[in-house]
Amino acid sequence: DPEKPELLKWKAALGSRAYGGPTVAGGKVFVGTNNDQPRNKRDTAKDGDPVDKGVLMCFDEATGNFLWQAVHDKLPSGQVND
């Protein structure tokens, strides 16, 4: 609720789309997103633009600290199967 920011434990920057809801397990939060805001230069084109990929991000449940991500190529059929 934007009117009650005190209820927010933490937030994290994701891509421009998130897929499904977050999954919480073992003290970690897993989120599926796209590569609209790459965290690694490896996932950008030569001109610096993001390469369209699927990303699974992992955060610490208590602090929201970014732990790791797995970046994968998209299926050949494009956005229909994001």
N, C-alpha and C. Protein backbone atom coordinates (compact mmCIF):
# COMPACT_ATOMS: atom_id res chain seq x y z
N ASP A 1 0.85 -1.18 0.00
CA ASP A 1 0.00 0.00 0.00
C ASP A 1 0.89 1.24 0.00
N PRO A 2 0.88 2.03 -1.08
CA PRO A 2 1.73 3.22 -1.14
C PRO A 2 1.44 4.24 -0.03
N GLU A 3 0.24 4.15 0.54
CA GLU A 3 -0.12 5.08 1.62
C GLU A 3 0.49 4.67 2.96
N LYS A 4 1.05 3.45 3.02
CA LYS A 4 1.62 2.94 4.28
C LYS A 4 3.01 2.37 4.05
N PRO A 5 3.98 3.23 3.70
CA PRO A 5 5.33 2.72 3.40
C PRO A 5 5.98 2.04 4.59
N GLU A 6 5.52 2.32 5.80
CA GLU A 6 6.10 1.68 6.99
C GLU A 6 5.84 0.16 7.01
N LEU A 7 4.90 -0.31 6.20
CA LEU A 7 4.61 -1.74 6.12
C LEU A 7 5.55 -2.48 5.18
N LEU A 8 6.35 -1.73 4.43
CA LEU A 8 7.27 -2.31 3.46
C LEU A 8 8.56 -2.71 4.17
N LYS A 9 8.93 -3.98 4.04
CA LYS A 9 10.16 -4.47 4.68
C LYS A 9 11.38 -4.06 3.86
N TRP A 10 11.33 -4.24 2.55
CA TRP A 10 12.38 -3.83 1.62
C TRP A 10 11.84 -3.92 0.21
N LYS A 11 12.56 -3.31 -0.74
CA LYS A 11 12.20 -3.42 -2.15
C LYS A 11 13.48 -3.54 -2.96
N ALA A 12 13.33 -4.06 -4.17
CA ALA A 12 14.49 -4.29 -5.03
C ALA A 12 14.14 -3.94 -6.47
N ALA A 13 15.14 -3.47 -7.19
CA ALA A 13 14.97 -3.16 -8.61
C ALA A 13 14.95 -4.46 -9.40
N LEU A 14 13.95 -4.60 -10.26
CA LEU A 14 13.83 -5.76 -11.14
C LEU A 14 13.86 -5.27 -12.58
N GLY A 15 13.56 -6.16 -13.52
CA GLY A 15 13.42 -5.76 -14.91
C GLY A 15 12.11 -5.01 -15.09
N SER A 16 11.68 -4.86 -16.34
CA SER A 16 10.43 -4.14 -16.60
C SER A 16 9.20 -5.03 -16.42
N ARG A 17 9.41 -6.35 -16.32
CA ARG A 17 8.32 -7.31 -16.10
C ARG A 17 8.76 -8.33 -15.06
N ALA A 18 7.83 -8.75 -14.24
CA ALA A 18 8.08 -9.84 -13.30
C ALA A 18 7.11 -10.95 -13.64
N TYR A 19 7.53 -12.18 -13.45
CA TYR A 19 6.73 -13.33 -13.86
C TYR A 19 6.31 -14.12 -12.64
N GLY A 20 5.01 -14.24 -12.43
CA GLY A 20 4.51 -14.90 -11.23
C GLY A 20 4.77 -14.00 -10.04
N GLY A 21 4.56 -14.51 -8.87
CA GLY A 21 4.86 -13.75 -7.67
C GLY A 21 6.19 -14.21 -7.11
N PRO A 22 6.69 -13.52 -6.10
CA PRO A 22 7.93 -13.98 -5.47
C PRO A 22 7.70 -15.29 -4.74
N THR A 23 8.75 -16.09 -4.68
CA THR A 23 8.72 -17.35 -3.92
C THR A 23 9.71 -17.22 -2.78
N VAL A 24 9.25 -17.53 -1.57
CA VAL A 24 10.10 -17.43 -0.38
C VAL A 24 10.38 -18.84 0.13
N ALA A 25 11.67 -19.15 0.30
CA ALA A 25 12.06 -20.47 0.80
C ALA A 25 13.46 -20.39 1.40
N GLY A 26 13.65 -21.00 2.54
CA GLY A 26 14.97 -21.08 3.14
C GLY A 26 15.63 -19.75 3.40
N GLY A 27 14.85 -18.73 3.75
CA GLY A 27 15.42 -17.42 4.04
C GLY A 27 15.79 -16.61 2.81
N LYS A 28 15.33 -17.08 1.65
CA LYS A 28 15.63 -16.38 0.40
C LYS A 28 14.34 -16.07 -0.35
N VAL A 29 14.36 -15.02 -1.17
CA VAL A 29 13.23 -14.64 -2.00
C VAL A 29 13.68 -14.76 -3.46
N PHE A 30 12.94 -15.54 -4.24
CA PHE A 30 13.25 -15.78 -5.65
C PHE A 30 12.21 -15.06 -6.51
N VAL A 31 12.70 -14.33 -7.52
CA VAL A 31 11.81 -13.57 -8.39
C VAL A 31 12.23 -13.78 -9.84
N GLY A 32 11.26 -14.11 -10.70
CA GLY A 32 11.51 -14.21 -12.13
C GLY A 32 11.22 -12.87 -12.78
N THR A 33 12.13 -12.39 -13.63
CA THR A 33 11.96 -11.10 -14.29
C THR A 33 12.65 -11.13 -15.65
N ASN A 34 12.68 -10.00 -16.31
CA ASN A 34 13.42 -9.93 -17.57
C ASN A 34 14.72 -9.17 -17.34
N ASN A 35 15.45 -8.91 -18.38
CA ASN A 35 16.78 -8.32 -18.29
C ASN A 35 16.77 -6.83 -18.64
N ASP A 36 15.67 -6.14 -18.33
CA ASP A 36 15.56 -4.73 -18.71
C ASP A 36 16.56 -3.84 -17.96
N GLN A 37 17.00 -4.27 -16.78
CA GLN A 37 18.00 -3.53 -16.00
C GLN A 37 19.15 -4.49 -15.65
N PRO A 38 20.03 -4.77 -16.61
CA PRO A 38 21.07 -5.77 -16.38
C PRO A 38 21.98 -5.42 -15.19
N ARG A 39 22.33 -6.42 -14.42
CA ARG A 39 23.26 -6.24 -13.30
C ARG A 39 24.68 -6.62 -13.73
N ASN A 40 24.83 -7.15 -14.94
CA ASN A 40 26.13 -7.61 -15.41
C ASN A 40 26.32 -7.13 -16.85
N LYS A 41 27.47 -6.52 -17.13
CA LYS A 41 27.74 -6.03 -18.50
C LYS A 41 27.69 -7.15 -19.52
N ARG A 42 27.92 -8.37 -19.09
CA ARG A 42 27.87 -9.53 -19.98
C ARG A 42 26.50 -9.63 -20.66
N ASP A 43 25.47 -9.11 -20.01
CA ASP A 43 24.10 -9.24 -20.50
C ASP A 43 23.62 -8.00 -21.24
N THR A 44 24.57 -7.24 -21.80
CA THR A 44 24.24 -6.06 -22.60
C THR A 44 24.84 -6.21 -24.00
N ALA A 45 24.24 -5.51 -24.94
CA ALA A 45 24.77 -5.50 -26.31
C ALA A 45 25.97 -4.55 -26.36
N LYS A 46 26.64 -4.54 -27.48
CA LYS A 46 27.83 -3.67 -27.64
C LYS A 46 27.49 -2.20 -27.44
N ASP A 47 26.25 -1.82 -27.77
CA ASP A 47 25.85 -0.42 -27.59
C ASP A 47 25.41 -0.11 -26.16
N GLY A 48 25.44 -1.13 -25.28
CA GLY A 48 25.07 -0.93 -23.88
C GLY A 48 23.62 -1.24 -23.56
N ASP A 49 22.80 -1.48 -24.60
CA ASP A 49 21.40 -1.81 -24.36
C ASP A 49 21.28 -3.22 -23.78
N PRO A 50 20.26 -3.48 -22.97
CA PRO A 50 20.07 -4.83 -22.43
C PRO A 50 19.73 -5.83 -23.52
N VAL A 51 20.23 -7.04 -23.37
CA VAL A 51 19.88 -8.15 -24.26
C VAL A 51 18.64 -8.82 -23.66
N ASP A 52 17.65 -9.13 -24.48
CA ASP A 52 16.40 -9.71 -24.00
C ASP A 52 16.64 -11.13 -23.49
N LYS A 53 16.59 -11.30 -22.18
CA LYS A 53 16.83 -12.60 -21.55
C LYS A 53 15.87 -12.77 -20.38
N GLY A 54 15.78 -13.99 -19.89
CA GLY A 54 15.01 -14.28 -18.69
C GLY A 54 15.95 -14.35 -17.50
N VAL A 55 15.52 -13.84 -16.35
CA VAL A 55 16.39 -13.77 -15.18
C VAL A 55 15.66 -14.29 -13.95
N LEU A 56 16.34 -15.14 -13.19
CA LEU A 56 15.87 -15.54 -11.87
C LEU A 56 16.78 -14.86 -10.87
N MET A 57 16.22 -13.97 -10.03
CA MET A 57 17.00 -13.25 -9.02
C MET A 57 16.73 -13.84 -7.65
N CYS A 58 17.75 -13.78 -6.81
CA CYS A 58 17.64 -14.27 -5.44
C CYS A 58 18.07 -13.18 -4.47
N PHE A 59 17.23 -12.93 -3.46
CA PHE A 59 17.49 -11.92 -2.45
C PHE A 59 17.42 -12.53 -1.06
N ASP A 60 18.12 -11.92 -0.10
CA ASP A 60 18.01 -12.34 1.29
C ASP A 60 16.65 -11.90 1.83
N GLU A 61 15.92 -12.82 2.43
CA GLU A 61 14.56 -12.50 2.90
C GLU A 61 14.56 -11.41 3.96
N ALA A 62 15.49 -11.42 4.88
CA ALA A 62 15.49 -10.48 5.99
C ALA A 62 15.92 -9.07 5.58
N THR A 63 16.93 -8.98 4.72
CA THR A 63 17.52 -7.67 4.41
C THR A 63 17.18 -7.15 3.03
N GLY A 64 16.82 -8.05 2.11
CA GLY A 64 16.60 -7.65 0.72
C GLY A 64 17.88 -7.55 -0.08
N ASN A 65 19.00 -7.91 0.53
CA ASN A 65 20.28 -7.87 -0.20
C ASN A 65 20.24 -8.82 -1.39
N PHE A 66 20.72 -8.33 -2.54
CA PHE A 66 20.83 -9.16 -3.74
C PHE A 66 21.90 -10.21 -3.49
N LEU A 67 21.56 -11.50 -3.76
CA LEU A 67 22.51 -12.58 -3.55
C LEU A 67 23.10 -13.10 -4.86
N TRP A 68 22.25 -13.43 -5.81
CA TRP A 68 22.72 -13.96 -7.09
C TRP A 68 21.60 -13.90 -8.11
N GLN A 69 21.97 -14.16 -9.36
CA GLN A 69 20.97 -14.27 -10.42
C GLN A 69 21.41 -15.32 -11.42
N ALA A 70 20.45 -15.93 -12.07
CA ALA A 70 20.69 -16.87 -13.17
C ALA A 70 20.04 -16.24 -14.40
N VAL A 71 20.84 -16.00 -15.44
CA VAL A 71 20.37 -15.34 -16.66
C VAL A 71 20.35 -16.37 -17.78
N HIS A 72 19.21 -16.46 -18.47
CA HIS A 72 19.04 -17.47 -19.51
C HIS A 72 18.51 -16.85 -20.80
N ASP A 73 18.89 -17.45 -21.92
CA ASP A 73 18.32 -17.04 -23.19
C ASP A 73 16.83 -17.33 -23.20
N LYS A 74 16.09 -16.51 -23.94
CA LYS A 74 14.65 -16.73 -24.08
C LYS A 74 14.38 -17.84 -25.07
N LEU A 75 13.19 -18.38 -25.02
CA LEU A 75 12.78 -19.37 -26.00
C LEU A 75 12.64 -18.69 -27.36
N PRO A 76 12.87 -19.39 -28.46
CA PRO A 76 12.85 -18.76 -29.78
C PRO A 76 11.51 -18.13 -30.15
N SER A 77 10.41 -18.51 -29.52
CA SER A 77 9.11 -17.97 -29.90
C SER A 77 8.88 -16.56 -29.36
N GLY A 78 9.81 -16.02 -28.59
CA GLY A 78 9.72 -14.62 -28.17
C GLY A 78 8.88 -14.38 -26.95
N GLN A 79 8.29 -13.19 -26.87
CA GLN A 79 7.61 -12.73 -25.66
C GLN A 79 6.42 -13.60 -25.26
N VAL A 80 5.87 -14.34 -26.19
CA VAL A 80 4.73 -15.20 -25.87
C VAL A 80 5.11 -16.19 -24.76
N ASN A 81 6.36 -16.61 -24.72
CA ASN A 81 6.82 -17.60 -23.75
C ASN A 81 7.79 -17.03 -22.73
N ASP A 82 7.66 -15.75 -22.41
CA ASP A 82 8.52 -15.19 -21.37
C ASP A 82 8.28 -15.93 -20.08
